[in-house]
């Protein structure tokens, strides 16, 4: 039996100070309390970029003006395969906040710690940190 494939779009939201906006996963979710880049599942009939814009509006209350593809890859978990689409978002309207009750905060790009994220994010975090080394 093959595992379900789930497509997920997420934003690397970076401000003019080189900080990245992150949220903390809620209790009851996979990897509860770990950090994540805001985003969510791509709905049927949506492009990953459309999903990104919808999810960021729903999750953290910002309106994305431009988003550039940064990375995409598949990661296999025991029960599912997730195809990730990461976008670099440096232009938006509004101040991000956790609209669904999740904790959100800005973190220096150099301070990202892959151990604080779900395993799928490890290579992405290393790439982000390498860019500023």
Protein backbone atom coordinates (compact mmCIF):
# COMPACT_ATOMS: atom_id res chain seq x y z
CA UNK A 1 0.00 0.00 0.00
CA UNK A 2 1.44 3.35 -0.93
CA UNK A 3 1.53 6.22 1.50
CA UNK A 4 -0.61 9.29 0.89
CA UNK A 5 1.18 12.25 -0.69
CA UNK A 6 0.41 15.59 0.94
CA UNK A 7 1.55 18.85 -0.61
CA UNK A 8 2.47 21.66 1.77
CA UNK A 9 3.42 25.27 1.02
CA UNK A 10 5.35 27.29 3.60
CA UNK A 11 6.77 30.78 3.77
CA UNK A 12 10.25 31.82 4.83
CA UNK A 13 9.12 35.27 5.93
CA UNK A 14 12.20 37.47 6.25
CA UNK A 15 12.19 41.10 7.38
CA UNK A 16 14.65 43.88 6.57
CA UNK A 17 16.70 42.98 9.66
CA UNK A 18 17.37 39.46 8.38
CA UNK A 19 15.02 37.90 10.91
CA UNK A 20 12.66 35.07 10.02
CA UNK A 21 9.12 34.74 11.35
CA UNK A 22 8.41 31.33 12.89
CA UNK A 23 5.48 29.76 14.66
CA UNK A 24 5.27 26.98 17.24
CA UNK A 25 3.15 23.94 16.48
CA UNK A 26 0.14 23.54 18.73
CA UNK A 27 -0.50 20.69 21.15
CA UNK A 28 -2.25 17.79 19.44
CA UNK A 29 -0.40 18.29 16.14
CA UNK A 30 2.45 16.11 14.88
CA UNK A 31 5.71 17.46 16.36
CA UNK A 32 3.78 19.61 18.87
CA UNK A 33 5.79 22.55 20.23
CA UNK A 34 8.45 22.30 17.53
CA UNK A 35 9.07 25.38 15.39
CA UNK A 36 7.82 25.71 11.84
CA UNK A 37 7.67 28.04 8.89
CA UNK A 38 4.03 29.18 8.58
CA UNK A 39 2.01 27.56 5.83
CA UNK A 40 -0.20 24.58 5.20
CA UNK A 41 -1.69 22.05 2.83
CA UNK A 42 -2.23 22.77 -0.85
CA UNK A 43 -5.94 22.34 -1.59
CA UNK A 44 -7.29 20.63 -4.71
CA UNK A 45 -7.14 22.97 -7.69
CA UNK A 46 -4.66 25.34 -6.01
CA UNK A 47 -1.10 26.04 -7.06
CA UNK A 48 1.49 25.91 -4.27
CA UNK A 49 1.84 29.70 -4.47
CA UNK A 50 -1.93 30.23 -4.16
CA UNK A 51 -1.94 27.90 -1.15
CA UNK A 52 0.94 29.84 0.41
CA UNK A 53 -0.91 33.16 0.11
CA UNK A 54 -4.17 31.72 1.47
CA UNK A 55 -2.49 29.91 4.35
CA UNK A 56 -0.39 32.91 5.44
CA UNK A 57 -3.50 35.07 5.47
CA UNK A 58 -5.42 32.45 7.50
CA UNK A 59 -2.60 31.50 9.86
CA UNK A 60 -0.71 34.71 10.57
CA UNK A 61 -2.84 37.46 9.07
CA UNK A 62 -0.50 38.82 6.39
CA UNK A 63 -1.17 39.58 2.74
CA UNK A 64 1.75 38.37 0.59
CA UNK A 65 2.82 40.80 -2.14
CA UNK A 66 5.55 38.64 -3.64
CA UNK A 67 6.89 35.16 -2.99
CA UNK A 68 9.84 33.48 -4.70
CA UNK A 69 10.32 29.70 -4.87
CA UNK A 70 13.21 28.86 -2.53
CA UNK A 71 13.22 25.07 -2.25
CA UNK A 72 11.00 22.05 -2.83
CA UNK A 73 11.51 18.44 -1.82
CA UNK A 74 9.72 15.34 -0.62
CA UNK A 75 10.15 13.88 2.84
CA UNK A 76 8.92 10.45 3.85
CA UNK A 77 7.38 9.94 7.28
CA UNK A 78 6.21 6.52 8.55
CA UNK A 79 2.58 7.12 7.51
CA UNK A 80 2.77 9.70 4.71
CA UNK A 81 4.96 11.49 2.19
CA UNK A 82 5.01 15.27 2.28
CA UNK A 83 6.00 17.34 -0.73
CA UNK A 84 7.16 20.73 0.52
CA UNK A 85 7.19 23.99 -1.41
CA UNK A 86 9.13 26.70 0.40
CA UNK A 87 8.85 30.32 -0.70
CA UNK A 88 10.94 33.30 0.34
CA UNK A 89 8.55 36.09 1.33
CA UNK A 90 10.12 39.53 1.80
CA UNK A 91 7.18 41.75 0.80
CA UNK A 92 3.84 41.63 2.58
CA UNK A 93 1.18 43.80 4.18
CA UNK A 94 0.27 43.48 7.84
CA UNK A 95 2.09 42.42 11.00
CA UNK A 96 2.25 38.64 11.41
CA UNK A 97 0.66 37.13 14.51
CA UNK A 98 -0.68 33.70 15.48
CA UNK A 99 -4.32 33.86 14.37
CA UNK A 100 -4.96 30.26 15.45
CA UNK A 101 -3.59 30.72 18.96
CA UNK A 102 -0.08 29.56 18.07
CA UNK A 103 3.01 31.33 19.36
CA UNK A 104 4.84 33.39 16.74
CA UNK A 105 8.10 35.33 16.88
CA UNK A 106 11.04 36.70 14.87
CA UNK A 107 14.38 34.90 15.02
CA UNK A 108 17.75 35.83 13.55
CA UNK A 109 18.45 33.71 10.47
CA UNK A 110 21.84 32.80 11.98
CA UNK A 111 20.11 31.50 15.14
CA UNK A 112 17.97 28.87 13.41
CA UNK A 113 18.44 25.48 15.07
CA UNK A 114 17.41 22.44 13.05
CA UNK A 115 16.89 20.50 16.29
CA UNK A 116 13.92 22.76 17.12
CA UNK A 117 12.09 21.87 13.86
CA UNK A 118 10.48 18.68 12.51
CA UNK A 119 13.07 16.41 10.82
CA UNK A 120 11.95 17.33 7.29
CA UNK A 121 13.28 20.87 7.77
CA UNK A 122 16.86 19.93 8.58
CA UNK A 123 18.48 20.45 5.15
CA UNK A 124 16.49 23.65 4.58
CA UNK A 125 17.69 25.13 7.88
CA UNK A 126 21.28 24.23 7.03
CA UNK A 127 20.94 25.99 3.64
CA UNK A 128 19.47 29.13 5.25
CA UNK A 129 22.30 29.25 7.78
CA UNK A 130 24.97 28.62 5.13
CA UNK A 131 23.75 31.62 3.12
CA UNK A 132 24.79 34.02 5.85
CA UNK A 133 27.94 32.28 7.02
